[in-house]
Amino acid sequence: MPGGGQKRRGARRRRGYSGRSIRLLEPVLLLLLHAGASHGYALLDQLDEFGLGDLNPSVVYRALREMDEQGWVRSVWEGEETQGPPRRVYELTKCGNEMLALWVKDLEEAKDQIDGLIDTYRCRPG
């Protein structure tokens, strides 16, 4: 239906979602786990550093679950007693580390292209 997609995209933007945020979620999560194992709640807190703090937690947990299924991360239930319910702890796998390296390479190439576009725009009169 024409216009239907426009309305949904606009609603996502108002809630802090953007296609760019969703596309950056996986490499950011891999980067955070590159520093060490962590549980989902701690990862949610750290997303703000990358401008992704407004993402719905269900989107983040779905991404973590999919990365676990793909073998990029490994998750286990925390064995220690906690004051709250047991928490799932995520850690980066070798495959996830390789994916992170590929993402960084891809992002560097995209950054170069974006810098070129911006430089060209700024150099043109009018």
PDB file of N, CA and C in Angstrom:
ATOM      1  N   MET A   1       0.843  -1.184   0.000  1.00  0.00           N
ATOM      2  CA  MET A   1       0.000   0.000   0.000  1.00  0.00           C
ATOM      3  C   MET A   1       0.885   1.243   0.000  1.00  0.00           C
ATOM      4  N   PRO A   2       0.748   2.160  -0.967  1.00  0.00           N
ATOM      5  CA  PRO A   2       1.588   3.346  -1.032  1.00  0.00           C
ATOM      6  C   PRO A   2       1.450   4.185   0.231  1.00  0.00           C
ATOM      7  N   GLY A   3       2.598   4.686   0.680  1.00  0.00           N
ATOM      8  CA  GLY A   3       2.588   5.562   1.842  1.00  0.00           C
ATOM      9  C   GLY A   3       2.607   4.819   3.161  1.00  0.00           C
ATOM     10  N   GLY A   4       2.238   3.545   3.183  1.00  0.00           N
ATOM     11  CA  GLY A   4       2.206   2.790   4.433  1.00  0.00           C
ATOM     12  C   GLY A   4       3.581   2.645   5.053  1.00  0.00           C
ATOM     13  N   GLY A   5       4.568   2.389   4.212  1.00  0.00           N
ATOM     14  CA  GLY A   5       5.935   2.261   4.710  1.00  0.00           C
ATOM     15  C   GLY A   5       6.452   3.576   5.256  1.00  0.00           C
ATOM     16  N   GLN A   6       6.055   4.670   4.624  1.00  0.00           N
ATOM     17  CA  GLN A   6       6.482   5.987   5.089  1.00  0.00           C
ATOM     18  C   GLN A   6       6.031   6.231   6.514  1.00  0.00           C
ATOM     19  N   LYS A   7       4.807   5.891   6.808  1.00  0.00           N
ATOM     20  CA  LYS A   7       4.261   6.137   8.139  1.00  0.00           C
ATOM     21  C   LYS A   7       5.030   5.328   9.180  1.00  0.00           C
ATOM     22  N   ARG A   8       5.309   4.061   8.883  1.00  0.00           N
ATOM     23  CA  ARG A   8       6.028   3.216   9.837  1.00  0.00           C
ATOM     24  C   ARG A   8       7.451   3.703  10.036  1.00  0.00           C
ATOM     25  N   ARG A   9       8.127   4.083   8.968  1.00  0.00           N
ATOM     26  CA  ARG A   9       9.500   4.576   9.114  1.00  0.00           C
ATOM     27  C   ARG A   9       9.528   5.838   9.946  1.00  0.00           C
ATOM     28  N   GLY A  10       8.580   6.728   9.737  1.00  0.00           N
ATOM     29  CA  GLY A  10       8.510   7.957  10.514  1.00  0.00           C
ATOM     30  C   GLY A  10       8.278   7.674  11.987  1.00  0.00           C
ATOM     31  N   ALA A  11       7.432   6.690  12.280  1.00  0.00           N
ATOM     32  CA  ALA A  11       7.160   6.338  13.675  1.00  0.00           C
ATOM     33  C   ALA A  11       8.429   5.804  14.337  1.00  0.00           C
ATOM     34  N   ARG A  12       9.190   5.000  13.623  1.00  0.00           N
ATOM     35  CA  ARG A  12      10.437   4.478  14.186  1.00  0.00           C
ATOM     36  C   ARG A  12      11.411   5.603  14.467  1.00  0.00           C
ATOM     37  N   ARG A  13      11.505   6.562  13.563  1.00  0.00           N
ATOM     38  CA  ARG A  13      12.427   7.671  13.756  1.00  0.00           C
ATOM     39  C   ARG A  13      12.072   8.479  14.990  1.00  0.00           C
ATOM     40  N   ARG A  14      10.784   8.695  15.228  1.00  0.00           N
ATOM     41  CA  ARG A  14      10.361   9.463  16.403  1.00  0.00           C
ATOM     42  C   ARG A  14      10.733   8.752  17.688  1.00  0.00           C
ATOM     43  N   ARG A  15      10.758   7.425  17.666  1.00  0.00           N
ATOM     44  CA  ARG A  15      11.113   6.672  18.868  1.00  0.00           C
ATOM     45  C   ARG A  15      12.614   6.490  18.989  1.00  0.00           C
ATOM     46  N   GLY A  16      13.391   7.081  18.099  1.00  0.00           N
ATOM     47  CA  GLY A  16      14.833   6.973  18.179  1.00  0.00           C
ATOM     48  C   GLY A  16      15.427   5.887  17.301  1.00  0.00           C
ATOM     49  N   TYR A  17      14.626   5.252  16.474  1.00  0.00           N
ATOM     50  CA  TYR A  17      15.125   4.206  15.597  1.00  0.00           C
ATOM     51  C   TYR A  17      15.493   4.800  14.250  1.00  0.00           C
ATOM     52  N   SER A  18      16.500   4.243  13.666  1.00  0.00           N
ATOM     53  CA  SER A  18      16.808   4.569  12.282  1.00  0.00           C
ATOM     54  C   SER A  18      17.439   3.334  11.662  1.00  0.00           C
ATOM     55  N   GLY A  19      17.381   3.261  10.383  1.00  0.00           N
ATOM     56  CA  GLY A  19      18.022   2.141   9.701  1.00  0.00           C
ATOM     57  C   GLY A  19      19.502   2.077  10.029  1.00  0.00           C
ATOM     58  N   ARG A  20      20.120   3.240  10.141  1.00  0.00           N
ATOM     59  CA  ARG A  20      21.545   3.293  10.464  1.00  0.00           C
ATOM     60  C   ARG A  20      21.794   2.684  11.847  1.00  0.00           C
ATOM     61  N   SER A  21      20.948   2.984  12.822  1.00  0.00           N
ATOM     62  CA  SER A  21      21.111   2.433  14.172  1.00  0.00           C
ATOM     63  C   SER A  21      21.032   0.913  14.149  1.00  0.00           C
ATOM     64  N   ILE A  22      20.054   0.384  13.451  1.00  0.00           N
ATOM     65  CA  ILE A  22      19.892  -1.065  13.394  1.00  0.00           C
ATOM     66  C   ILE A  22      21.083  -1.710  12.699  1.00  0.00           C
ATOM     67  N   ARG A  23      21.585  -1.094  11.618  1.00  0.00           N
ATOM     68  CA  ARG A  23      22.727  -1.653  10.892  1.00  0.00           C
ATOM     69  C   ARG A  23      23.998  -1.622  11.729  1.00  0.00           C
ATOM     70  N   LEU A  24      24.129  -0.657  12.628  1.00  0.00           N
ATOM     71  CA  LEU A  24      25.331  -0.555  13.455  1.00  0.00           C
ATOM     72  C   LEU A  24      25.248  -1.388  14.722  1.00  0.00           C
ATOM     73  N   LEU A  25      24.079  -1.896  15.051  1.00  0.00           N
ATOM     74  CA  LEU A  25      23.907  -2.612  16.307  1.00  0.00           C
ATOM     75  C   LEU A  25      24.826  -3.816  16.414  1.00  0.00           C
ATOM     76  N   GLU A  26      24.857  -4.678  15.414  1.00  0.00           N
ATOM     77  CA  GLU A  26      25.674  -5.886  15.500  1.00  0.00           C
ATOM     78  C   GLU A  26      27.158  -5.583  15.654  1.00  0.00           C
ATOM     79  N   PRO A  27      27.746  -4.706  14.818  1.00  0.00           N
ATOM     80  CA  PRO A  27      29.177  -4.438  15.032  1.00  0.00           C
ATOM     81  C   PRO A  27      29.459  -3.777  16.385  1.00  0.00           C
ATOM     82  N   VAL A  28      28.554  -2.944  16.868  1.00  0.00           N
ATOM     83  CA  VAL A  28      28.763  -2.320  18.176  1.00  0.00           C
ATOM     84  C   VAL A  28      28.712  -3.386  19.276  1.00  0.00           C
ATOM     85  N   LEU A  29      27.751  -4.291  19.218  1.00  0.00           N
ATOM     86  CA  LEU A  29      27.689  -5.360  20.214  1.00  0.00           C
ATOM     87  C   LEU A  29      28.948  -6.224  20.168  1.00  0.00           C
ATOM     88  N   LEU A  30      29.408  -6.556  18.975  1.00  0.00           N
ATOM     89  CA  LEU A  30      30.645  -7.339  18.856  1.00  0.00           C
ATOM     90  C   LEU A  30      31.825  -6.575  19.433  1.00  0.00           C
ATOM     91  N   LEU A  31      31.881  -5.279  19.189  1.00  0.00           N
ATOM     92  CA  LEU A  31      32.966  -4.459  19.728  1.00  0.00           C
ATOM     93  C   LEU A  31      32.932  -4.440  21.256  1.00  0.00           C
ATOM     94  N   LEU A  32      31.741  -4.272  21.816  1.00  0.00           N
ATOM     95  CA  LEU A  32      31.611  -4.271  23.278  1.00  0.00           C
ATOM     96  C   LEU A  32      32.049  -5.615  23.869  1.00  0.00           C
ATOM     97  N   LEU A  33      31.684  -6.706  23.200  1.00  0.00           N
ATOM     98  CA  LEU A  33      32.074  -8.027  23.690  1.00  0.00           C
ATOM     99  C   LEU A  33      33.545  -8.322  23.437  1.00  0.00           C
ATOM    100  N   HIS A  34      34.154  -7.600  22.511  1.00  0.00           N
ATOM    101  CA  HIS A  34      35.590  -7.736  22.258  1.00  0.00           C
ATOM    102  C   HIS A  34      36.379  -7.343  23.508  1.00  0.00           C
ATOM    103  N   ALA A  35      35.815  -6.453  24.309  1.00  0.00           N
ATOM    104  CA  ALA A  35      36.464  -6.010  25.548  1.00  0.00           C
ATOM    105  C   ALA A  35      36.300  -7.042  26.666  1.00  0.00           C
ATOM    106  N   GLY A  36      35.360  -7.961  26.517  1.00  0.00           N
ATOM    107  CA  GLY A  36      35.151  -8.997  27.523  1.00  0.00           C
ATOM    108  C   GLY A  36      33.701  -9.421  27.593  1.00  0.00           C
ATOM    109  N   ALA A  37      33.480 -10.562  28.210  1.00  0.00           N
ATOM    110  CA  ALA A  37      32.123 -11.107  28.340  1.00  0.00           C
ATOM    111  C   ALA A  37      31.254 -10.147  29.147  1.00  0.00           C
ATOM    112  N   SER A  38      29.964 -10.146  28.828  1.00  0.00           N
ATOM    113  CA  SER A  38      29.044  -9.239  29.503  1.00  0.00           C
ATOM    114  C   SER A  38      27.627  -9.784  29.410  1.00  0.00           C
ATOM    115  N   HIS A  39      26.779  -9.337  30.306  1.00  0.00           N
ATOM    116  CA  HIS A  39      25.372  -9.725  30.207  1.00  0.00           C
ATOM    117  C   HIS A  39      24.608  -8.638  29.460  1.00  0.00           C
ATOM    118  N   GLY A  40      23.428  -8.986  28.989  1.00  0.00           N
ATOM    119  CA  GLY A  40      22.651  -8.099  28.124  1.00  0.00           C
ATOM    120  C   GLY A  40      22.362  -6.741  28.714  1.00  0.00           C
ATOM    121  N   TYR A  41      22.056  -6.690  29.997  1.00  0.00           N
ATOM    122  CA  TYR A  41      21.718  -5.409  30.627  1.00  0.00           C
ATOM    123  C   TYR A  41      22.903  -4.454  30.581  1.00  0.00           C
ATOM    124  N   ALA A  42      24.099  -4.961  30.850  1.00  0.00           N
ATOM    125  CA  ALA A  42      25.300  -4.118  30.793  1.00  0.00           C
ATOM    126  C   ALA A  42      25.546  -3.642  29.359  1.00  0.00           C
ATOM    127  N   LEU A  43      25.312  -4.509  28.392  1.00  0.00           N
ATOM    128  CA  LEU A  43      25.477  -4.123  26.990  1.00  0.00           C
ATOM    129  C   LEU A  43      24.495  -3.012  26.620  1.00  0.00           C
ATOM    130  N   LEU A  44      23.254  -3.132  27.086  1.00  0.00           N
ATOM    131  CA  LEU A  44      22.250  -2.090  26.824  1.00  0.00           C
ATOM    132  C   LEU A  44      22.725  -0.739  27.349  1.00  0.00           C
ATOM    133  N   ASP A  45      23.308  -0.728  28.543  1.00  0.00           N
ATOM    134  CA  ASP A  45      23.808   0.521  29.131  1.00  0.00           C
ATOM    135  C   ASP A  45      24.926   1.129  28.291  1.00  0.00           C
ATOM    136  N   GLN A  46      25.762   0.298  27.703  1.00  0.00           N
ATOM    137  CA  GLN A  46      26.916   0.785  26.950  1.00  0.00           C
ATOM    138  C   GLN A  46      26.565   1.257  25.539  1.00  0.00           C
ATOM    139  N   LEU A  47      25.398   0.898  25.041  1.00  0.00           N
ATOM    140  CA  LEU A  47      25.016   1.296  23.684  1.00  0.00           C
ATOM    141  C   LEU A  47      24.919   2.807  23.525  1.00  0.00           C
ATOM    142  N   ASP A  48      24.636   3.499  24.608  1.00  0.00           N
ATOM    143  CA  ASP A  48      24.504   4.955  24.559  1.00  0.00           C
ATOM    144  C   ASP A  48      25.794   5.633  24.083  1.00  0.00           C
ATOM    145  N   GLU A  49      26.939   5.038  24.408  1.00  0.00           N
ATOM    146  CA  GLU A  49      28.231   5.588  23.979  1.00  0.00           C
ATOM    147  C   GLU A  49      28.326   5.694  22.461  1.00  0.00           C
ATOM    148  N   PHE A  50      27.543   4.889  21.763  1.00  0.00           N
ATOM    149  CA  PHE A  50      27.596   4.841  20.305  1.00  0.00           C
ATOM    150  C   PHE A  50      26.333   5.421  19.666  1.00  0.00           C
ATOM    151  N   GLY A  51      25.544   6.125  20.458  1.00  0.00           N
ATOM    152  CA  GLY A  51      24.330   6.738  19.942  1.00  0.00           C
ATOM    153  C   GLY A  51      23.198   5.760  19.724  1.00  0.00           C
ATOM    154  N   LEU A  52      23.250   4.587  20.342  1.00  0.00           N
ATOM    155  CA  LEU A  52      22.234   3.562  20.143  1.00  0.00           C
ATOM    156  C   LEU A  52      21.420   3.303  21.408  1.00  0.00           C
ATOM    157  N   GLY A  53      21.483   4.207  22.363  1.00  0.00           N
ATOM    158  CA  GLY A  53      20.819   4.005  23.640  1.00  0.00           C
ATOM    159  C   GLY A  53      19.310   4.002  23.577  1.00  0.00           C
ATOM    160  N   ASP A  54      18.725   4.502  22.484  1.00  0.00           N
ATOM    161  CA  ASP A  54      17.270   4.560  22.368  1.00  0.00           C
ATOM    162  C   ASP A  54      16.657   3.303  21.761  1.00  0.00           C
ATOM    163  N   LEU A  55      17.490   2.341  21.391  1.00  0.00           N
ATOM    164  CA  LEU A  55      16.939   1.116  20.799  1.00  0.00           C
ATOM    165  C   LEU A  55      16.143   0.347  21.839  1.00  0.00           C
ATOM    166  N   ASN A  56      15.065  -0.255  21.390  1.00  0.00           N
ATOM    167  CA  ASN A  56      14.241  -1.084  22.258  1.00  0.00           C
ATOM    168  C   ASN A  56      15.054  -2.298  22.703  1.00  0.00           C
ATOM    169  N   PRO A  57      15.060  -2.616  23.995  1.00  0.00           N
ATOM    170  CA  PRO A  57      15.826  -3.780  24.466  1.00  0.00           C
ATOM    171  C   PRO A  57      15.488  -5.069  23.720  1.00  0.00           C
ATOM    172  N   SER A  58      14.256  -5.241  23.290  1.00  0.00           N
ATOM    173  CA  SER A  58      13.908  -6.473  22.573  1.00  0.00           C
ATOM    174  C   SER A  58      14.673  -6.575  21.254  1.00  0.00           C
ATOM    175  N   VAL A  59      14.966  -5.447  20.624  1.00  0.00           N
ATOM    176  CA  VAL A  59      15.752  -5.443  19.383  1.00  0.00           C
ATOM    177  C   VAL A  59      17.179  -5.897  19.682  1.00  0.00           C
ATOM    178  N   VAL A  60      17.716  -5.416  20.791  1.00  0.00           N
ATOM    179  CA  VAL A  60      19.086  -5.767  21.179  1.00  0.00           C
ATOM    180  C   VAL A  60      19.178  -7.252  21.529  1.00  0.00           C
ATOM    181  N   TYR A  61      18.241  -7.740  22.337  1.00  0.00           N
ATOM    182  CA  TYR A  61      18.269  -9.157  22.714  1.00  0.00           C
ATOM    183  C   TYR A  61      18.034 -10.070  21.516  1.00  0.00           C
ATOM    184  N   ARG A  62      17.209  -9.637  20.573  1.00  0.00           N
ATOM    185  CA  ARG A  62      16.995 -10.423  19.352  1.00  0.00           C
ATOM    186  C   ARG A  62      18.298 -10.496  18.550  1.00  0.00           C
ATOM    187  N   ALA A  63      19.019  -9.376  18.457  1.00  0.00           N
ATOM    188  CA  ALA A  63      20.300  -9.360  17.740  1.00  0.00           C
ATOM    189  C   ALA A  63      21.308 -10.279  18.436  1.00  0.00           C
ATOM    190  N   LEU A  64      21.352 -10.242  19.760  1.00  0.00           N
ATOM    191  CA  LEU A  64      22.261 -11.125  20.492  1.00  0.00           C
ATOM    192  C   LEU A  64      21.912 -12.592  20.253  1.00  0.00           C
ATOM    193  N   ARG A  65      20.630 -12.913  20.264  1.00  0.00           N
ATOM    194  CA  ARG A  65      20.192 -14.293  20.034  1.00  0.00           C
ATOM    195  C   ARG A  65      20.585 -14.745  18.619  1.00  0.00           C
ATOM    196  N   GLU A  66      20.387 -13.862  17.630  1.00  0.00           N
ATOM    197  CA  GLU A  66      20.740 -14.213  16.248  1.00  0.00           C
ATOM    198  C   GLU A  66      22.254 -14.377  16.104  1.00  0.00           C
ATOM    199  N   MET A  67      23.033 -13.518  16.770  1.00  0.00           N
ATOM    200  CA  MET A  67      24.487 -13.647  16.701  1.00  0.00           C
ATOM    201  C   MET A  67      24.950 -14.928  17.394  1.00  0.00           C
ATOM    202  N   ASP A  68      24.240 -15.344  18.430  1.00  0.00           N
ATOM    203  CA  ASP A  68      24.528 -16.606  19.108  1.00  0.00           C
ATOM    204  C   ASP A  68      24.255 -17.774  18.147  1.00  0.00           C
ATOM    205  N   GLU A  69      23.131 -17.724  17.445  1.00  0.00           N
ATOM    206  CA  GLU A  69      22.778 -18.769  16.480  1.00  0.00           C
ATOM    207  C   GLU A  69      23.785 -18.848  15.334  1.00  0.00           C
ATOM    208  N   GLN A  70      24.362 -17.687  14.949  1.00  0.00           N
ATOM    209  CA  GLN A  70      25.332 -17.647  13.857  1.00  0.00           C
ATOM    210  C   GLN A  70      26.742 -18.021  14.320  1.00  0.00           C
ATOM    211  N   GLY A  71      26.922 -18.158  15.628  1.00  0.00           N
ATOM    212  CA  GLY A  71      28.225 -18.530  16.152  1.00  0.00           C
ATOM    213  C   GLY A  71      29.164 -17.365  16.381  1.00  0.00           C
ATOM    214  N   TRP A  72      28.656 -16.145  16.320  1.00  0.00           N
ATOM    215  CA  TRP A  72      29.510 -14.970  16.535  1.00  0.00           C
ATOM    216  C   TRP A  72      29.732 -14.707  18.013  1.00  0.00           C
ATOM    217  N   VAL A  73      28.749 -15.076  18.820  1.00  0.00           N
ATOM    218  CA  VAL A  73      28.869 -14.975  20.273  1.00  0.00           C
ATOM    219  C   VAL A  73      28.444 -16.304  20.869  1.00  0.00           C
ATOM    220  N   ARG A  74      28.853 -16.520  22.093  1.00  0.00           N
ATOM    221  CA  ARG A  74      28.444 -17.700  22.848  1.00  0.00           C
ATOM    222  C   ARG A  74      27.772 -17.166  24.105  1.00  0.00           C
ATOM    223  N   SER A  75      26.692 -17.792  24.494  1.00  0.00           N
ATOM    224  CA  SER A  75      26.011 -17.334  25.703  1.00  0.00           C
ATOM    225  C   SER A  75      25.847 -18.486  26.676  1.00  0.00           C
ATOM    226  N   VAL A  76      25.948 -18.162  27.944  1.00  0.00           N
ATOM    227  CA  VAL A  76      25.740 -19.129  29.016  1.00  0.00           C
ATOM    228  C   VAL A  76      24.986 -18.433  30.131  1.00  0.00           C
ATOM    229  N   TRP A  77      24.254 -19.218  30.905  1.00  0.00           N
ATOM    230  CA  TRP A  77      23.581 -18.652  32.065  1.00  0.00           C
ATOM    231  C   TRP A  77      24.616 -18.441  33.158  1.00  0.00           C
ATOM    232  N   GLU A  78      24.569 -17.276  33.768  1.00  0.00           N
ATOM    233  CA  GLU A  78      25.511 -16.943  34.830  1.00  0.00           C
ATOM    234  C   GLU A  78      25.370 -17.950  35.965  1.00  0.00           C
ATOM    235  N   GLY A  79      26.488 -18.552  36.363  1.00  0.00           N
ATOM    236  CA  GLY A  79      26.458 -19.574  37.388  1.00  0.00           C
ATOM    237  C   GLY A  79      26.422 -19.020  38.802  1.00  0.00           C
ATOM    238  N   GLU A  80      26.885 -17.788  38.989  1.00  0.00           N
ATOM    239  CA  GLU A  80      26.916 -17.205  40.327  1.00  0.00           C
ATOM    240  C   GLU A  80      25.506 -16.851  40.786  1.00  0.00           C
ATOM    241  N   GLU A  81      25.337 -16.849  42.083  1.00  0.00           N
ATOM    242  CA  GLU A  81      24.061 -16.399  42.639  1.00  0.00           C
ATOM    243  C   GLU A  81      23.979 -14.880  42.494  1.00  0.00           C
ATOM    244  N   THR A  82      22.892 -14.406  41.996  1.00  0.00           N
ATOM    245  CA  THR A  82      22.661 -12.972  41.893  1.00  0.00           C
ATOM    246  C   THR A  82      21.436 -12.635  42.725  1.00  0.00           C
ATOM    247  N   GLN A  83      21.279 -11.367  43.027  1.00  0.00           N
ATOM    248  CA  GLN A  83      20.121 -10.964  43.804  1.00  0.00           C
ATOM    249  C   GLN A  83      18.841 -11.065  42.980  1.00  0.00           C
ATOM    250  N   GLY A  84      18.979 -10.975  41.695  1.00  0.00           N
ATOM    251  CA  GLY A  84      17.819 -11.066  40.817  1.00  0.00           C
ATOM    252  C   GLY A  84      17.795 -12.412  40.121  1.00  0.00           C
ATOM    253  N   PRO A  85      17.042 -12.469  39.043  1.00  0.00           N
ATOM    254  CA  PRO A  85      16.979 -13.720  38.275  1.00  0.00           C
ATOM    255  C   PRO A  85      18.322 -14.004  37.601  1.00  0.00           C
ATOM    256  N   PRO A  86      18.566 -15.261  37.224  1.00  0.00           N
ATOM    257  CA  PRO A  86      19.813 -15.586  36.518  1.00  0.00           C
ATOM    258  C   PRO A  86      19.933 -14.753  35.237  1.00  0.00           C
ATOM    259  N   ARG A  87      21.168 -14.421  34.883  1.00  0.00           N
ATOM    260  CA  ARG A  87      21.397 -13.606  33.683  1.00  0.00           C
ATOM    261  C   ARG A  87      22.221 -14.399  32.678  1.00  0.00           C
ATOM    262  N   ARG A  88      21.922 -14.137  31.420  1.00  0.00           N
ATOM    263  CA  ARG A  88      22.679 -14.752  30.332  1.00  0.00           C
ATOM    264  C   ARG A  88      23.903 -13.879  30.064  1.00  0.00           C
ATOM    265  N   VAL A  89      25.069 -14.518  30.016  1.00  0.00           N
ATOM    266  CA  VAL A  89      26.318 -13.810  29.760  1.00  0.00           C
ATOM    267  C   VAL A  89      26.769 -14.149  28.344  1.00  0.00           C
ATOM    268  N   TYR A  90      27.159 -13.121  27.611  1.00  0.00           N
ATOM    269  CA  TYR A  90      27.579 -13.268  26.218  1.00  0.00           C
ATOM    270  C   TYR A  90      29.088 -13.050  26.120  1.00  0.00           C
ATOM    271  N   GLU A  91      29.727 -13.843  25.259  1.00  0.00           N
ATOM    272  CA  GLU A  91      31.147 -13.632  24.988  1.00  0.00           C
ATOM    273  C   GLU A  91      31.404 -13.799  23.496  1.00  0.00           C
ATOM    274  N   LEU A  92      32.409 -13.099  23.027  1.00  0.00           N
ATOM    275  CA  LEU A  92      32.778 -13.123  21.620  1.00  0.00           C
ATOM    276  C   LEU A  92      33.478 -14.435  21.286  1.00  0.00           C
ATOM    277  N   THR A  93      33.147 -15.007  20.146  1.00  0.00           N
ATOM    278  CA  THR A  93      33.826 -16.216  19.664  1.00  0.00           C
ATOM    279  C   THR A  93      34.882 -15.813  18.642  1.00  0.00           C
ATOM    280  N   LYS A  94      35.675 -16.770  18.219  1.00  0.00           N
ATOM    281  CA  LYS A  94      36.675 -16.519  17.173  1.00  0.00           C
ATOM    282  C   LYS A  94      35.980 -16.033  15.893  1.00  0.00           C
ATOM    283  N   CYS A  95      34.880 -16.691  15.554  1.00  0.00           N
ATOM    284  CA  CYS A  95      34.111 -16.303  14.372  1.00  0.00           C
ATOM    285  C   CYS A  95      33.588 -14.863  14.519  1.00  0.00           C
ATOM    286  N   GLY A  96      33.119 -14.511  15.714  1.00  0.00           N
ATOM    287  CA  GLY A  96      32.634 -13.159  15.970  1.00  0.00           C
ATOM    288  C   GLY A  96      33.743 -12.134  15.856  1.00  0.00           C
ATOM    289  N   ASN A  97      34.920 -12.502  16.313  1.00  0.00           N
ATOM    290  CA  ASN A  97      36.069 -11.600  16.198  1.00  0.00           C
ATOM    291  C   ASN A  97      36.429 -11.367  14.731  1.00  0.00           C
ATOM    292  N   GLU A  98      36.343 -12.415  13.930  1.00  0.00           N
ATOM    293  CA  GLU A  98      36.592 -12.279  12.493  1.00  0.00           C
ATOM    294  C   GLU A  98      35.529 -11.401  11.834  1.00  0.00           C
ATOM    295  N   MET A  99      34.267 -11.577  12.249  1.00  0.00           N
ATOM    296  CA  MET A  99      33.190 -10.730  11.711  1.00  0.00           C
ATOM    297  C   MET A  99      33.407  -9.269  12.079  1.00  0.00           C
ATOM    298  N   LEU A 100      33.829  -9.030  13.317  1.00  0.00           N
ATOM    299  CA  LEU A 100      34.104  -7.660  13.752  1.00  0.00           C
ATOM    300  C   LEU A 100      35.191  -7.029  12.889  1.00  0.00           C
ATOM    301  N   ALA A 101      36.245  -7.772  12.602  1.00  0.00           N
ATOM    302  CA  ALA A 101      37.323  -7.262  11.752  1.00  0.00           C
ATOM    303  C   ALA A 101      36.798  -6.925  10.352  1.00  0.00           C
ATOM    304  N   LEU A 102      35.942  -7.783   9.801  1.00  0.00           N
ATOM    305  CA  LEU A 102      35.354  -7.512   8.482  1.00  0.00           C
ATOM    306  C   LEU A 102      34.470  -6.263   8.527  1.00  0.00           C
ATOM    307  N   TRP A 103      33.691  -6.115   9.602  1.00  0.00           N
ATOM    308  CA  TRP A 103      32.819  -4.953   9.736  1.00  0.00           C
ATOM    309  C   TRP A 103      33.634  -3.677   9.827  1.00  0.00           C
ATOM    310  N   VAL A 104      34.719  -3.719  10.603  1.00  0.00           N
ATOM    311  CA  VAL A 104      35.563  -2.527  10.736  1.00  0.00           C
ATOM    312  C   VAL A 104      36.144  -2.145   9.380  1.00  0.00           C
ATOM    313  N   LYS A 105      36.604  -3.135   8.617  1.00  0.00           N
ATOM    314  CA  LYS A 105      37.133  -2.866   7.277  1.00  0.00           C
ATOM    315  C   LYS A 105      36.055  -2.240   6.393  1.00  0.00           C
ATOM    316  N   ASP A 106      34.856  -2.804   6.426  1.00  0.00           N
ATOM    317  CA  ASP A 106      33.745  -2.287   5.631  1.00  0.00           C
ATOM    318  C   ASP A 106      33.386  -0.861   6.064  1.00  0.00           C
ATOM    319  N   LEU A 107      33.356  -0.609   7.369  1.00  0.00           N
ATOM    320  CA  LEU A 107      33.029   0.727   7.867  1.00  0.00           C
ATOM    321  C   LEU A 107      34.096   1.749   7.484  1.00  0.00           C
ATOM    322  N   GLU A 108      35.363   1.327   7.489  1.00  0.00           N
ATOM    323  CA  GLU A 108      36.439   2.228   7.056  1.00  0.00           C
ATOM    324  C   GLU A 108      36.259   2.609   5.587  1.00  0.00           C
ATOM    325  N   GLU A 109      35.906   1.633   4.750  1.00  0.00           N
ATOM    326  CA  GLU A 109      35.669   1.917   3.333  1.00  0.00           C
ATOM    327  C   GLU A 109      34.465   2.841   3.159  1.00  0.00           C
ATOM    328  N   ALA A 110      33.401   2.604   3.910  1.00  0.00           N
ATOM    329  CA  ALA A 110      32.219   3.467   3.838  1.00  0.00           C
ATOM    330  C   ALA A 110      32.555   4.873   4.305  1.00  0.00           C
ATOM    331  N   LYS A 111      33.351   4.983   5.354  1.00  0.00           N
ATOM    332  CA  LYS A 111      33.761   6.293   5.861  1.00  0.00           C
ATOM    333  C   LYS A 111      34.534   7.062   4.787  1.00  0.00           C
ATOM    334  N   ASP A 112      35.440   6.389   4.088  1.00  0.00           N
ATOM    335  CA  ASP A 112      36.194   7.037   3.011  1.00  0.00           C
ATOM    336  C   ASP A 112      35.250   7.544   1.920  1.00  0.00           C
ATOM    337  N   GLN A 113      34.255   6.734   1.550  1.00  0.00           N
ATOM    338  CA  GLN A 113      33.286   7.147   0.534  1.00  0.00           C
ATOM    339  C   GLN A 113      32.464   8.341   1.017  1.00  0.00           C
ATOM    340  N   ILE A 114      32.043   8.308   2.273  1.00  0.00           N
ATOM    341  CA  ILE A 114      31.249   9.412   2.828  1.00  0.00           C
ATOM    342  C   ILE A 114      32.089  10.678   2.895  1.00  0.00           C
ATOM    343  N   ASP A 115      33.345  10.556   3.340  1.00  0.00           N
ATOM    344  CA  ASP A 115      34.233  11.722   3.388  1.00  0.00           C
ATOM    345  C   ASP A 115      34.409  12.329   1.994  1.00  0.00           C
ATOM    346  N   GLY A 116      34.548  11.462   0.981  1.00  0.00           N
ATOM    347  CA  GLY A 116      34.680  11.951  -0.390  1.00  0.00           C
ATOM    348  C   GLY A 116      33.433  12.694  -0.845  1.00  0.00           C
ATOM    349  N   LEU A 117      32.268  12.163  -0.526  1.00  0.00           N
ATOM    350  CA  LEU A 117      31.010  12.813  -0.887  1.00  0.00           C
ATOM    351  C   LEU A 117      30.897  14.178  -0.201  1.00  0.00           C
ATOM    352  N   ILE A 118      31.192  14.238   1.079  1.00  0.00           N
ATOM    353  CA  ILE A 118      31.107  15.494   1.819  1.00  0.00           C
ATOM    354  C   ILE A 118      32.114  16.519   1.299  1.00  0.00           C
ATOM    355  N   ASP A 119      33.349  16.066   1.042  1.00  0.00           N
ATOM    356  CA  ASP A 119      34.358  16.972   0.494  1.00  0.00           C
ATOM    357  C   ASP A 119      33.927  17.532  -0.844  1.00  0.00           C
ATOM    358  N   THR A 120      33.380  16.675  -1.720  1.00  0.00           N
ATOM    359  CA  THR A 120      32.898  17.131  -3.019  1.00  0.00           C
ATOM    360  C   THR A 120      31.772  18.146  -2.862  1.00  0.00           C
ATOM    361  N   TYR A 121      30.856  17.884  -1.968  1.00  0.00           N
ATOM    362  CA  TYR A 121      29.730  18.802  -1.715  1.00  0.00           C
ATOM    363  C   TYR A 121      30.247  20.152  -1.245  1.00  0.00           C
ATOM    364  N   ARG A 122      31.184  20.163  -0.338  1.00  0.00           N
ATOM    365  CA  ARG A 122      31.689  21.413   0.230  1.00  0.00           C
ATOM    366  C   ARG A 122      32.506  22.216  -0.773  1.00  0.00           C
ATOM    367  N   CYS A 123      33.114  21.565  -1.737  1.00  0.00           N
ATOM    368  CA  CYS A 123      33.952  22.257  -2.717  1.00  0.00           C
ATOM    369  C   CYS A 123      33.160  22.851  -3.873  1.00  0.00           C
ATOM    370  N   ARG A 124      31.924  22.441  -4.022  1.00  0.00           N
ATOM    371  CA  ARG A 124      31.103  22.952  -5.129  1.00  0.00           C
ATOM    372  C   ARG A 124      30.433  24.248  -4.754  1.00  0.00           C
ATOM    373  N   PRO A 125      30.431  25.187  -5.675  1.00  0.00           N
ATOM    374  CA  PRO A 125      29.753  26.463  -5.380  1.00  0.00           C
ATOM    375  C   PRO A 125      28.232  26.284  -5.344  1.00  0.00           C
ATOM    376  N   GLY A 126      27.591  27.140  -4.578  1.00  0.00           N
ATOM    377  CA  GLY A 126      26.132  27.192  -4.554  1.00  0.00           C
ATOM    378  C   GLY A 126      25.582  26.330  -3.506  1.00  0.00           C
TER     379      GLY A 126
END
